[in-house]
């Protein structure tokens, strides 16, 4: 009895149960909406870091492992890499489990991103999606076609989407496997020919037509596409009897702010040289900070992206 009385005194000193619960609910870190927002930020951050540094980081890590007592693990992976070298050119190795990760739903909700269907696609045909604009990182293209976050599989049943990106990404250890698990393939002739001619029907290759050149002009409030002298995808569609599907992501250019170099400037000259010899153009851009939307950082701004 004495113990019970002491316990009651403690409860009374802390306040009623409802007041304690109210105090706990006031803690921002326990708020469900706050937790979800933090998970959204983490999901986007991991993709941004994947896009920017994962390939180089994995290559350096593998080289480091080769110089340690665990060199046999790295050697086995390199042997597997040689054996598996041509897999990306043959449709890759997609994983429905990876495409359905919960992290992609948090990724989707951060902006948010949504996919709008305007026409049915027959599973007896193959398709080339001409996607615009590139933006800085093609966030809409990735979320809509390399994950199931926006329901592409339910909206277009029987259609297998393949997002095409730089072939150089598939020379990077570990990164290549991560990309292939989402249904991403190299944007080269061999890969596209294989998917459209030797992989049955119901395939849809998403080509970001403007590529690196289009990314140089992306800035909030501007919609500029690069199409001149980039009609090779039309020729491929004719050769393989594939249908062309125009795709546009409204809001893609709003998520980052970029320093635009005018034509003829030294900055644009450097960007074009990189684009010509390496395949991508270095952009000077910024988004929001990790802890505040009022600071600069690598996180994109949470602006809606609607892909039609």
Foldseek 3Di string as FASTA:
>chain_A
DVVVVVVVVVCVVVPDPVVVVVVVCPPLVPPPVSVLLLLLLVLLVVVLCLQPPPLVVQQVVLVVCCVDPNVVVSVVLVVVCVVCVCQLLQQFDAALVLLADPSLLSPCVLLPEEEDDDDADDQQAEEEEAEDDCAQPNSNCCSVQLHCNRPPCPVHPNAHEEEEDAPVQCVGPPSVNVSRRSRYHHPDDSSLCNCLPPVGGRYYYYYNQQAQVSNLPQAPPDGDGDDPPRCVVVVVCVVSVHYYHYKYKPCSSVFKHWDHDDPPDPQVVQQVVCCVPPNHGDTHIWAADSVDRVHTHHRTHSHYIYMD
